[in-house]
Amino acid sequence: NGGDGGASGSKVKLTALITKHPLTQELSKMTWLQEAEDRAGVDI
């Protein structure tokens, strides 16, 4: 809804960059990370 901060129930979209180890799997496979995004009301 145009950056309403999640007030209407939508998630706030953010962009982020991470410097990670070559061994580290794709972030989309990390359950804890998705749960943290959900609790914060963001979609990164």
PDB file of all heavy atoms in Angstrom:
ATOM      1  N   ASN A   1       0.820  -1.208   0.000  1.00  0.00           N
ATOM      2  CA  ASN A   1       0.000   0.000   0.000  1.00  0.00           C
ATOM      3  C   ASN A   1       0.860   1.267   0.000  1.00  0.00           C
ATOM      4  O   ASN A   1       0.556   2.246   0.666  1.00  0.00           O
ATOM      5  CB  ASN A   1      -0.936   0.001   1.221  1.00  0.00           C
ATOM      6  CG  ASN A   1      -1.933  -1.129   1.156  1.00  0.00           C
ATOM      7  OD1 ASN A   1      -2.722  -1.188   0.220  1.00  0.00           O
ATOM      8  ND2 ASN A   1      -1.910  -2.025   2.120  1.00  0.00           N
ATOM      9  N   GLY A   2       1.990   1.169  -0.725  1.00  0.00           N
ATOM     10  CA  GLY A   2       2.779   2.387  -0.919  1.00  0.00           C
ATOM     11  C   GLY A   2       3.612   2.797   0.263  1.00  0.00           C
ATOM     12  O   GLY A   2       3.810   3.975   0.497  1.00  0.00           O
ATOM     13  N   GLY A   3       4.140   1.836   1.038  1.00  0.00           N
ATOM     14  CA  GLY A   3       5.056   2.177   2.122  1.00  0.00           C
ATOM     15  C   GLY A   3       4.355   2.632   3.362  1.00  0.00           C
ATOM     16  O   GLY A   3       4.745   3.607   3.983  1.00  0.00           O
ATOM     17  N   ASP A   4       3.287   1.942   3.764  1.00  0.00           N
ATOM     18  CA  ASP A   4       2.539   2.349   4.954  1.00  0.00           C
ATOM     19  C   ASP A   4       3.095   1.773   6.231  1.00  0.00           C
ATOM     20  O   ASP A   4       2.484   1.870   7.282  1.00  0.00           O
ATOM     21  CB  ASP A   4       1.064   1.965   4.807  1.00  0.00           C
ATOM     22  CG  ASP A   4       0.859   0.452   4.730  1.00  0.00           C
ATOM     23  OD1 ASP A   4       1.874  -0.278   4.760  1.00  0.00           O
ATOM     24  OD2 ASP A   4      -0.300   0.009   4.652  1.00  0.00           O
ATOM     25  N   GLY A   5       4.329   1.144   6.119  1.00  0.00           N
ATOM     26  CA  GLY A   5       4.959   0.619   7.328  1.00  0.00           C
ATOM     27  C   GLY A   5       4.275  -0.606   7.861  1.00  0.00           C
ATOM     28  O   GLY A   5       4.479  -0.999   8.992  1.00  0.00           O
ATOM     29  N   GLY A   6       3.430  -1.223   7.069  1.00  0.00           N
ATOM     30  CA  GLY A   6       2.759  -2.432   7.513  1.00  0.00           C
ATOM     31  C   GLY A   6       1.492  -2.141   8.293  1.00  0.00           C
ATOM     32  O   GLY A   6       0.874  -3.040   8.839  1.00  0.00           O
ATOM     33  N   ALA A   7       1.081  -0.884   8.350  1.00  0.00           N
ATOM     34  CA  ALA A   7      -0.081  -0.520   9.173  1.00  0.00           C
ATOM     35  C   ALA A   7      -1.353  -1.213   8.718  1.00  0.00           C
ATOM     36  O   ALA A   7      -2.240  -1.472   9.507  1.00  0.00           O
ATOM     37  CB  ALA A   7      -0.267   0.997   9.143  1.00  0.00           C
ATOM     38  N   SER A   8      -1.455  -1.492   7.429  1.00  0.00           N
ATOM     39  CA  SER A   8      -2.661  -2.130   6.921  1.00  0.00           C
ATOM     40  C   SER A   8      -2.505  -3.635   6.821  1.00  0.00           C
ATOM     41  O   SER A   8      -3.306  -4.301   6.191  1.00  0.00           O
ATOM     42  CB  SER A   8      -3.000  -1.557   5.542  1.00  0.00           C
ATOM     43  OG  SER A   8      -1.959  -1.840   4.622  1.00  0.00           O
ATOM     44  N   GLY A   9      -1.481  -4.188   7.429  1.00  0.00           N
ATOM     45  CA  GLY A   9      -1.276  -5.628   7.432  1.00  0.00           C
ATOM     46  C   GLY A   9      -0.301  -6.104   6.388  1.00  0.00           C
ATOM     47  O   GLY A   9       0.079  -7.272   6.393  1.00  0.00           O
ATOM     48  N   SER A  10       0.129  -5.245   5.481  1.00  0.00           N
ATOM     49  CA  SER A  10       1.112  -5.644   4.471  1.00  0.00           C
ATOM     50  C   SER A  10       2.513  -5.535   5.051  1.00  0.00           C
ATOM     51  O   SER A  10       2.748  -4.826   6.025  1.00  0.00           O
ATOM     52  CB  SER A  10       0.984  -4.738   3.245  1.00  0.00           C
ATOM     53  OG  SER A  10       1.276  -3.397   3.597  1.00  0.00           O
ATOM     54  N   LYS A  11       3.433  -6.265   4.431  1.00  0.00           N
ATOM     55  CA  LYS A  11       4.824  -6.199   4.880  1.00  0.00           C
ATOM     56  C   LYS A  11       5.544  -5.036   4.216  1.00  0.00           C
ATOM     57  O   LYS A  11       5.263  -4.691   3.064  1.00  0.00           O
ATOM     58  CB  LYS A  11       5.536  -7.510   4.545  1.00  0.00           C
ATOM     59  CG  LYS A  11       5.084  -8.695   5.378  1.00  0.00           C
ATOM     60  CD  LYS A  11       5.950  -9.909   5.053  1.00  0.00           C
ATOM     61  CE  LYS A  11       5.584 -11.089   5.941  1.00  0.00           C
ATOM     62  NZ  LYS A  11       6.427 -12.270   5.661  1.00  0.00           N
ATOM     63  N   VAL A  12       6.474  -4.465   4.934  1.00  0.00           N
ATOM     64  CA  VAL A  12       7.321  -3.416   4.387  1.00  0.00           C
ATOM     65  C   VAL A  12       8.429  -4.068   3.577  1.00  0.00           C
ATOM     66  O   VAL A  12       9.116  -4.969   4.064  1.00  0.00           O
ATOM     67  CB  VAL A  12       7.930  -2.563   5.514  1.00  0.00           C
ATOM     68  CG1 VAL A  12       8.929  -1.555   4.946  1.00  0.00           C
ATOM     69  CG2 VAL A  12       6.837  -1.857   6.294  1.00  0.00           C
ATOM     70  N   LYS A  13       8.593  -3.629   2.354  1.00  0.00           N
ATOM     71  CA  LYS A  13       9.640  -4.183   1.505  1.00  0.00           C
ATOM     72  C   LYS A  13      10.945  -3.427   1.751  1.00  0.00           C
ATOM     73  O   LYS A  13      10.979  -2.197   1.740  1.00  0.00           O
ATOM     74  CB  LYS A  13       9.242  -4.108   0.034  1.00  0.00           C
ATOM     75  CG  LYS A  13       8.072  -5.027  -0.329  1.00  0.00           C
ATOM     76  CD  LYS A  13       7.816  -5.025  -1.812  1.00  0.00           C
ATOM     77  CE  LYS A  13       6.645  -5.948  -2.157  1.00  0.00           C
ATOM     78  NZ  LYS A  13       6.935  -7.361  -1.850  1.00  0.00           N
ATOM     79  N   LEU A  14      12.011  -4.188   1.969  1.00  0.00           N
ATOM     80  CA  LEU A  14      13.342  -3.632   2.176  1.00  0.00           C
ATOM     81  C   LEU A  14      14.332  -4.337   1.253  1.00  0.00           C
ATOM     82  O   LEU A  14      14.094  -5.465   0.819  1.00  0.00           O
ATOM     83  CB  LEU A  14      13.796  -3.829   3.622  1.00  0.00           C
ATOM     84  CG  LEU A  14      12.947  -3.218   4.735  1.00  0.00           C
ATOM     85  CD1 LEU A  14      13.451  -3.689   6.092  1.00  0.00           C
ATOM     86  CD2 LEU A  14      12.981  -1.694   4.663  1.00  0.00           C
ATOM     87  N   THR A  15      15.423  -3.671   0.994  1.00  0.00           N
ATOM     88  CA  THR A  15      16.528  -4.303   0.285  1.00  0.00           C
ATOM     89  C   THR A  15      17.686  -4.468   1.259  1.00  0.00           C
ATOM     90  O   THR A  15      17.889  -3.633   2.148  1.00  0.00           O
ATOM     91  CB  THR A  15      16.983  -3.471  -0.922  1.00  0.00           C
ATOM     92  OG1 THR A  15      17.369  -2.166  -0.481  1.00  0.00           O
ATOM     93  CG2 THR A  15      15.870  -3.358  -1.954  1.00  0.00           C
ATOM     94  N   ALA A  16      18.447  -5.536   1.092  1.00  0.00           N
ATOM     95  CA  ALA A  16      19.592  -5.778   1.978  1.00  0.00           C
ATOM     96  C   ALA A  16      20.657  -6.554   1.231  1.00  0.00           C
ATOM     97  O   ALA A  16      20.366  -7.332   0.314  1.00  0.00           O
ATOM     98  CB  ALA A  16      19.154  -6.547   3.223  1.00  0.00           C
ATOM     99  N   LEU A  17      21.873  -6.336   1.633  1.00  0.00           N
ATOM    100  CA  LEU A  17      23.028  -7.043   1.082  1.00  0.00           C
ATOM    101  C   LEU A  17      23.775  -7.699   2.229  1.00  0.00           C
ATOM    102  O   LEU A  17      23.947  -7.096   3.288  1.00  0.00           O
ATOM    103  CB  LEU A  17      23.938  -6.065   0.337  1.00  0.00           C
ATOM    104  CG  LEU A  17      25.211  -6.604  -0.317  1.00  0.00           C
ATOM    105  CD1 LEU A  17      25.560  -5.768  -1.546  1.00  0.00           C
ATOM    106  CD2 LEU A  17      26.405  -6.610   0.654  1.00  0.00           C
ATOM    107  N   ILE A  18      24.218  -8.927   2.020  1.00  0.00           N
ATOM    108  CA  ILE A  18      25.011  -9.625   3.030  1.00  0.00           C
ATOM    109  C   ILE A  18      26.287 -10.162   2.403  1.00  0.00           C
ATOM    110  O   ILE A  18      26.275 -10.702   1.290  1.00  0.00           O
ATOM    111  CB  ILE A  18      24.209 -10.769   3.687  1.00  0.00           C
ATOM    112  CG1 ILE A  18      25.039 -11.439   4.794  1.00  0.00           C
ATOM    113  CG2 ILE A  18      23.722 -11.782   2.658  1.00  0.00           C
ATOM    114  CD1 ILE A  18      24.252 -12.430   5.637  1.00  0.00           C
ATOM    115  N   THR A  19      27.391  -9.967   3.103  1.00  0.00           N
ATOM    116  CA  THR A  19      28.643 -10.610   2.706  1.00  0.00           C
ATOM    117  C   THR A  19      28.722 -11.911   3.484  1.00  0.00           C
ATOM    118  O   THR A  19      28.832 -11.903   4.703  1.00  0.00           O
ATOM    119  CB  THR A  19      29.854  -9.720   3.024  1.00  0.00           C
ATOM    120  OG1 THR A  19      29.912  -9.454   4.424  1.00  0.00           O
ATOM    121  CG2 THR A  19      29.749  -8.393   2.274  1.00  0.00           C
ATOM    122  N   LYS A  20      28.637 -13.026   2.786  1.00  0.00           N
ATOM    123  CA  LYS A  20      28.564 -14.319   3.458  1.00  0.00           C
ATOM    124  C   LYS A  20      29.672 -15.233   2.968  1.00  0.00           C
ATOM    125  O   LYS A  20      30.305 -15.000   1.936  1.00  0.00           O
ATOM    126  CB  LYS A  20      27.198 -14.963   3.245  1.00  0.00           C
ATOM    127  CG  LYS A  20      26.911 -15.373   1.805  1.00  0.00           C
ATOM    128  CD  LYS A  20      25.586 -16.120   1.686  1.00  0.00           C
ATOM    129  CE  LYS A  20      25.476 -16.803   0.333  1.00  0.00           C
ATOM    130  NZ  LYS A  20      24.268 -17.614   0.182  1.00  0.00           N
ATOM    131  N   HIS A  21      29.878 -16.305   3.717  1.00  0.00           N
ATOM    132  CA  HIS A  21      30.911 -17.275   3.381  1.00  0.00           C
ATOM    133  C   HIS A  21      30.499 -18.078   2.152  1.00  0.00           C
ATOM    134  O   HIS A  21      29.307 -18.349   1.944  1.00  0.00           O
ATOM    135  CB  HIS A  21      31.128 -18.217   4.572  1.00  0.00           C
ATOM    136  CG  HIS A  21      32.364 -19.026   4.469  1.00  0.00           C
ATOM    137  ND1 HIS A  21      32.434 -20.206   3.758  1.00  0.00           N
ATOM    138  CD2 HIS A  21      33.610 -18.839   4.970  1.00  0.00           C
ATOM    139  CE1 HIS A  21      33.644 -20.709   3.840  1.00  0.00           C
ATOM    140  NE2 HIS A  21      34.379 -19.887   4.572  1.00  0.00           N
ATOM    141  N   PRO A  22      31.465 -18.486   1.313  1.00  0.00           N
ATOM    142  CA  PRO A  22      31.124 -19.266   0.115  1.00  0.00           C
ATOM    143  C   PRO A  22      30.369 -20.564   0.416  1.00  0.00           C
ATOM    144  O   PRO A  22      29.605 -21.045  -0.417  1.00  0.00           O
ATOM    145  CB  PRO A  22      32.484 -19.567  -0.520  1.00  0.00           C
ATOM    146  CG  PRO A  22      33.364 -18.456  -0.070  1.00  0.00           C
ATOM    147  CD  PRO A  22      32.897 -18.128   1.319  1.00  0.00           C
ATOM    148  N   LEU A  23      30.575 -21.129   1.603  1.00  0.00           N
ATOM    149  CA  LEU A  23      29.878 -22.364   1.945  1.00  0.00           C
ATOM    150  C   LEU A  23      28.408 -22.146   2.292  1.00  0.00           C
ATOM    151  O   LEU A  23      27.602 -23.076   2.240  1.00  0.00           O
ATOM    152  CB  LEU A  23      30.561 -23.041   3.138  1.00  0.00           C
ATOM    153  CG  LEU A  23      31.929 -23.687   2.920  1.00  0.00           C
ATOM    154  CD1 LEU A  23      32.467 -24.192   4.255  1.00  0.00           C
ATOM    155  CD2 LEU A  23      31.854 -24.816   1.912  1.00  0.00           C
ATOM    156  N   THR A  24      28.048 -20.926   2.669  1.00  0.00           N
ATOM    157  CA  THR A  24      26.733 -20.669   3.227  1.00  0.00           C
ATOM    158  C   THR A  24      25.633 -20.819   2.186  1.00  0.00           C
ATOM    159  O   THR A  24      25.722 -20.261   1.094  1.00  0.00           O
ATOM    160  CB  THR A  24      26.681 -19.263   3.835  1.00  0.00           C
ATOM    161  OG1 THR A  24      27.724 -19.144   4.811  1.00  0.00           O
ATOM    162  CG2 THR A  24      25.346 -19.008   4.508  1.00  0.00           C
ATOM    163  N   GLN A  25      24.597 -21.553   2.551  1.00  0.00           N
ATOM    164  CA  GLN A  25      23.483 -21.807   1.642  1.00  0.00           C
ATOM    165  C   GLN A  25      22.691 -20.540   1.359  1.00  0.00           C
ATOM    166  O   GLN A  25      22.876 -19.507   1.997  1.00  0.00           O
ATOM    167  CB  GLN A  25      22.548 -22.858   2.230  1.00  0.00           C
ATOM    168  CG  GLN A  25      21.814 -22.386   3.490  1.00  0.00           C
ATOM    169  CD  GLN A  25      20.937 -23.454   4.102  1.00  0.00           C
ATOM    170  OE1 GLN A  25      20.798 -24.541   3.569  1.00  0.00           O
ATOM    171  NE2 GLN A  25      20.333 -23.157   5.239  1.00  0.00           N
ATOM    172  N   GLU A  26      21.782 -20.632   0.394  1.00  0.00           N
ATOM    173  CA  GLU A  26      20.941 -19.490   0.057  1.00  0.00           C
ATOM    174  C   GLU A  26      20.103 -19.073   1.269  1.00  0.00           C
ATOM    175  O   GLU A  26      19.600 -19.906   2.013  1.00  0.00           O
ATOM    176  CB  GLU A  26      20.013 -19.852  -1.102  1.00  0.00           C
ATOM    177  CG  GLU A  26      20.745 -20.154  -2.397  1.00  0.00           C
ATOM    178  CD  GLU A  26      19.790 -20.630  -3.478  1.00  0.00           C
ATOM    179  OE1 GLU A  26      18.565 -20.589  -3.248  1.00  0.00           O
ATOM    180  OE2 GLU A  26      20.273 -21.041  -4.542  1.00  0.00           O
ATOM    181  N   LEU A  27      19.963 -17.780   1.429  1.00  0.00           N
ATOM    182  CA  LEU A  27      19.230 -17.260   2.583  1.00  0.00           C
ATOM    183  C   LEU A  27      17.770 -17.707   2.586  1.00  0.00           C
ATOM    184  O   LEU A  27      17.159 -17.830   3.648  1.00  0.00           O
ATOM    185  CB  LEU A  27      19.306 -15.731   2.605  1.00  0.00           C
ATOM    186  CG  LEU A  27      20.477 -15.128   3.390  1.00  0.00           C
ATOM    187  CD1 LEU A  27      21.818 -15.607   2.869  1.00  0.00           C
ATOM    188  CD2 LEU A  27      20.417 -13.605   3.363  1.00  0.00           C
ATOM    189  N   SER A  28      17.222 -17.962   1.425  1.00  0.00           N
ATOM    190  CA  SER A  28      15.824 -18.389   1.342  1.00  0.00           C
ATOM    191  C   SER A  28      15.583 -19.729   2.024  1.00  0.00           C
ATOM    192  O   SER A  28      14.437 -20.073   2.333  1.00  0.00           O
ATOM    193  CB  SER A  28      15.387 -18.477  -0.124  1.00  0.00           C
ATOM    194  OG  SER A  28      16.173 -19.438  -0.829  1.00  0.00           O
ATOM    195  N   LYS A  29      16.636 -20.476   2.305  1.00  0.00           N
ATOM    196  CA  LYS A  29      16.507 -21.784   2.937  1.00  0.00           C
ATOM    197  C   LYS A  29      16.621 -21.710   4.460  1.00  0.00           C
ATOM    198  O   LYS A  29      16.514 -22.739   5.130  1.00  0.00           O
ATOM    199  CB  LYS A  29      17.568 -22.743   2.386  1.00  0.00           C
ATOM    200  CG  LYS A  29      17.438 -23.008   0.889  1.00  0.00           C
ATOM    201  CD  LYS A  29      18.529 -23.948   0.394  1.00  0.00           C
ATOM    202  CE  LYS A  29      18.393 -24.207  -1.105  1.00  0.00           C
ATOM    203  NZ  LYS A  29      19.460 -25.102  -1.614  1.00  0.00           N
ATOM    204  N   MET A  30      16.858 -20.519   4.991  1.00  0.00           N
ATOM    205  CA  MET A  30      17.064 -20.364   6.427  1.00  0.00           C
ATOM    206  C   MET A  30      15.738 -20.064   7.117  1.00  0.00           C
ATOM    207  O   MET A  30      15.216 -18.950   7.028  1.00  0.00           O
ATOM    208  CB  MET A  30      18.079 -19.256   6.709  1.00  0.00           C
ATOM    209  CG  MET A  30      19.456 -19.563   6.134  1.00  0.00           C
ATOM    210  SD  MET A  30      20.647 -18.236   6.468  1.00  0.00           S
ATOM    211  CE  MET A  30      22.068 -18.853   5.537  1.00  0.00           C
ATOM    212  N   THR A  31      15.192 -21.041   7.821  1.00  0.00           N
ATOM    213  CA  THR A  31      13.891 -20.891   8.472  1.00  0.00           C
ATOM    214  C   THR A  31      13.894 -19.756   9.480  1.00  0.00           C
ATOM    215  O   THR A  31      12.956 -18.952   9.551  1.00  0.00           O
ATOM    216  CB  THR A  31      13.497 -22.208   9.155  1.00  0.00           C
ATOM    217  OG1 THR A  31      13.477 -23.254   8.177  1.00  0.00           O
ATOM    218  CG2 THR A  31      12.136 -22.094   9.808  1.00  0.00           C
ATOM    219  N   TRP A  32      14.943 -19.678  10.291  1.00  0.00           N
ATOM    220  CA  TRP A  32      15.001 -18.664  11.340  1.00  0.00           C
ATOM    221  C   TRP A  32      14.930 -17.260  10.751  1.00  0.00           C
ATOM    222  O   TRP A  32      14.330 -16.350  11.359  1.00  0.00           O
ATOM    223  CB  TRP A  32      16.269 -18.820  12.183  1.00  0.00           C
ATOM    224  CG  TRP A  32      17.529 -18.448  11.453  1.00  0.00           C
ATOM    225  CD1 TRP A  32      18.389 -19.280  10.796  1.00  0.00           C
ATOM    226  CD2 TRP A  32      18.074 -17.121  11.294  1.00  0.00           C
ATOM    227  NE1 TRP A  32      19.419 -18.570  10.235  1.00  0.00           N
ATOM    228  CE2 TRP A  32      19.249 -17.247  10.520  1.00  0.00           C
ATOM    229  CE3 TRP A  32      17.669 -15.860  11.713  1.00  0.00           C
ATOM    230  CZ2 TRP A  32      20.034 -16.148  10.167  1.00  0.00           C
ATOM    231  CZ3 TRP A  32      18.449 -14.755  11.364  1.00  0.00           C
ATOM    232  CH2 TRP A  32      19.624 -14.914  10.600  1.00  0.00           C
ATOM    233  N   LEU A  33      15.537 -17.059   9.569  1.00  0.00           N
ATOM    234  CA  LEU A  33      15.570 -15.733   8.955  1.00  0.00           C
ATOM    235  C   LEU A  33      14.181 -15.326   8.474  1.00  0.00           C
ATOM    236  O   LEU A  33      13.747 -14.183   8.693  1.00  0.00           O
ATOM    237  CB  LEU A  33      16.567 -15.715   7.796  1.00  0.00           C
ATOM    238  CG  LEU A  33      16.676 -14.409   7.018  1.00  0.00           C
ATOM    239  CD1 LEU A  33      17.033 -13.249   7.931  1.00  0.00           C
ATOM    240  CD2 LEU A  33      17.712 -14.543   5.895  1.00  0.00           C
ATOM    241  N   GLN A  34      13.477 -16.258   7.851  1.00  0.00           N
ATOM    242  CA  GLN A  34      12.129 -15.946   7.402  1.00  0.00           C
ATOM    243  C   GLN A  34      11.218 -15.630   8.582  1.00  0.00           C
ATOM    244  O   GLN A  34      10.384 -14.718   8.528  1.00  0.00           O
ATOM    245  CB  GLN A  34      11.548 -17.114   6.594  1.00  0.00           C
ATOM    246  CG  GLN A  34      10.202 -16.812   5.954  1.00  0.00           C
ATOM    247  CD  GLN A  34      10.256 -15.578   5.062  1.00  0.00           C
ATOM    248  OE1 GLN A  34      11.022 -15.525   4.112  1.00  0.00           O
ATOM    249  NE2 GLN A  34       9.442 -14.566   5.373  1.00  0.00           N
ATOM    250  N   GLU A  35      11.402 -16.372   9.675  1.00  0.00           N
ATOM    251  CA  GLU A  35      10.599 -16.114  10.868  1.00  0.00           C
ATOM    252  C   GLU A  35      10.903 -14.733  11.446  1.00  0.00           C
ATOM    253  O   GLU A  35       9.997 -14.021  11.910  1.00  0.00           O
ATOM    254  CB  GLU A  35      10.859 -17.208  11.907  1.00  0.00           C
ATOM    255  CG  GLU A  35      10.327 -18.582  11.496  1.00  0.00           C
ATOM    256  CD  GLU A  35      10.735 -19.682  12.461  1.00  0.00           C
ATOM    257  OE1 GLU A  35      11.630 -19.430  13.311  1.00  0.00           O
ATOM    258  OE2 GLU A  35      10.179 -20.791  12.364  1.00  0.00           O
ATOM    259  N   ALA A  36      12.177 -14.338  11.425  1.00  0.00           N
ATOM    260  CA  ALA A  36      12.552 -13.012  11.933  1.00  0.00           C
ATOM    261  C   ALA A  36      11.945 -11.910  11.063  1.00  0.00           C
ATOM    262  O   ALA A  36      11.474 -10.882  11.573  1.00  0.00           O
ATOM    263  CB  ALA A  36      14.072 -12.888  11.984  1.00  0.00           C
ATOM    264  N   GLU A  37      11.966 -12.089   9.757  1.00  0.00           N
ATOM    265  CA  GLU A  37      11.350 -11.119   8.861  1.00  0.00           C
ATOM    266  C   GLU A  37       9.846 -11.023   9.130  1.00  0.00           C
ATOM    267  O   GLU A  37       9.276  -9.925   9.161  1.00  0.00           O
ATOM    268  CB  GLU A  37      11.605 -11.502   7.402  1.00  0.00           C
ATOM    269  CG  GLU A  37      13.058 -11.350   6.958  1.00  0.00           C
ATOM    270  CD  GLU A  37      13.230 -11.586   5.466  1.00  0.00           C
ATOM    271  OE1 GLU A  37      12.260 -11.386   4.704  1.00  0.00           O
ATOM    272  OE2 GLU A  37      14.338 -11.983   5.043  1.00  0.00           O
ATOM    273  N   ASP A  38       9.208 -12.176   9.329  1.00  0.00           N
ATOM    274  CA  ASP A  38       7.760 -12.182   9.584  1.00  0.00           C
ATOM    275  C   ASP A  38       7.422 -11.419  10.863  1.00  0.00           C
ATOM    276  O   ASP A  38       6.470 -10.625  10.902  1.00  0.00           O
ATOM    277  CB  ASP A  38       7.254 -13.623   9.680  1.00  0.00           C
ATOM    278  CG  ASP A  38       7.260 -14.345   8.335  1.00  0.00           C
ATOM    279  OD1 ASP A  38       7.369 -13.661   7.294  1.00  0.00           O
ATOM    280  OD2 ASP A  38       7.178 -15.585   8.332  1.00  0.00           O
ATOM    281  N   ARG A  39       8.193 -11.669  11.910  1.00  0.00           N
ATOM    282  CA  ARG A  39       7.918 -10.984  13.184  1.00  0.00           C
ATOM    283  C   ARG A  39       8.123  -9.476  13.064  1.00  0.00           C
ATOM    284  O   ARG A  39       7.435  -8.692  13.719  1.00  0.00           O
ATOM    285  CB  ARG A  39       8.806 -11.556  14.294  1.00  0.00           C
ATOM    286  CG  ARG A  39       8.372 -12.922  14.794  1.00  0.00           C
ATOM    287  CD  ARG A  39       9.116 -13.291  16.072  1.00  0.00           C
ATOM    288  NE  ARG A  39      10.555 -13.360  15.861  1.00  0.00           N
ATOM    289  CZ  ARG A  39      11.225 -14.442  15.471  1.00  0.00           C
ATOM    290  NH1 ARG A  39      10.565 -15.567  15.225  1.00  0.00           N
ATOM    291  NH2 ARG A  39      12.527 -14.410  15.309  1.00  0.00           N
ATOM    292  N   ALA A  40       9.071  -9.078  12.237  1.00  0.00           N
ATOM    293  CA  ALA A  40       9.345  -7.651  12.058  1.00  0.00           C
ATOM    294  C   ALA A  40       8.399  -7.011  11.042  1.00  0.00           C
ATOM    295  O   ALA A  40       8.389  -5.785  10.904  1.00  0.00           O
ATOM    296  CB  ALA A  40      10.795  -7.450  11.618  1.00  0.00           C
ATOM    297  N   GLY A  41       7.635  -7.831  10.332  1.00  0.00           N
ATOM    298  CA  GLY A  41       6.711  -7.300   9.339  1.00  0.00           C
ATOM    299  C   GLY A  41       7.401  -6.757   8.108  1.00  0.00           C
ATOM    300  O   GLY A  41       6.946  -5.764   7.517  1.00  0.00           O
ATOM    301  N   VAL A  42       8.495  -7.410   7.707  1.00  0.00           N
ATOM    302  CA  VAL A  42       9.239  -6.946   6.539  1.00  0.00           C
ATOM    303  C   VAL A  42       9.418  -8.078   5.536  1.00  0.00           C
ATOM    304  O   VAL A  42       9.380  -9.263   5.886  1.00  0.00           O
ATOM    305  CB  VAL A  42      10.628  -6.383   6.932  1.00  0.00           C
ATOM    306  CG1 VAL A  42      10.471  -5.198   7.880  1.00  0.00           C
ATOM    307  CG2 VAL A  42      11.515  -7.459   7.557  1.00  0.00           C
ATOM    308  N   ASP A  43       9.593  -7.714   4.307  1.00  0.00           N
ATOM    309  CA  ASP A  43       9.907  -8.643   3.225  1.00  0.00           C
ATOM    310  C   ASP A  43      11.182  -8.124   2.583  1.00  0.00           C
ATOM    311  O   ASP A  43      11.173  -7.058   1.952  1.00  0.00           O
ATOM    312  CB  ASP A  43       8.756  -8.697   2.223  1.00  0.00           C
ATOM    313  CG  ASP A  43       9.042  -9.659   1.071  1.00  0.00           C
ATOM    314  OD1 ASP A  43       9.929 -10.518   1.224  1.00  0.00           O
ATOM    315  OD2 ASP A  43       8.376  -9.532   0.019  1.00  0.00           O
ATOM    316  N   ILE A  44      12.280  -8.855   2.760  1.00  0.00           N
ATOM    317  CA  ILE A  44      13.589  -8.343   2.357  1.00  0.00           C
ATOM    318  C   ILE A  44      14.053  -8.988   1.057  1.00  0.00           C
ATOM    319  O   ILE A  44      14.064 -10.212   0.914  1.00  0.00           O
ATOM    320  CB  ILE A  44      14.636  -8.582   3.467  1.00  0.00           C
ATOM    321  CG1 ILE A  44      14.197  -7.869   4.752  1.00  0.00           C
ATOM    322  CG2 ILE A  44      16.008  -8.075   3.026  1.00  0.00           C
ATOM    323  CD1 ILE A  44      15.162  -8.058   5.913  1.00  0.00           C
TER     324      ILE A  44
END
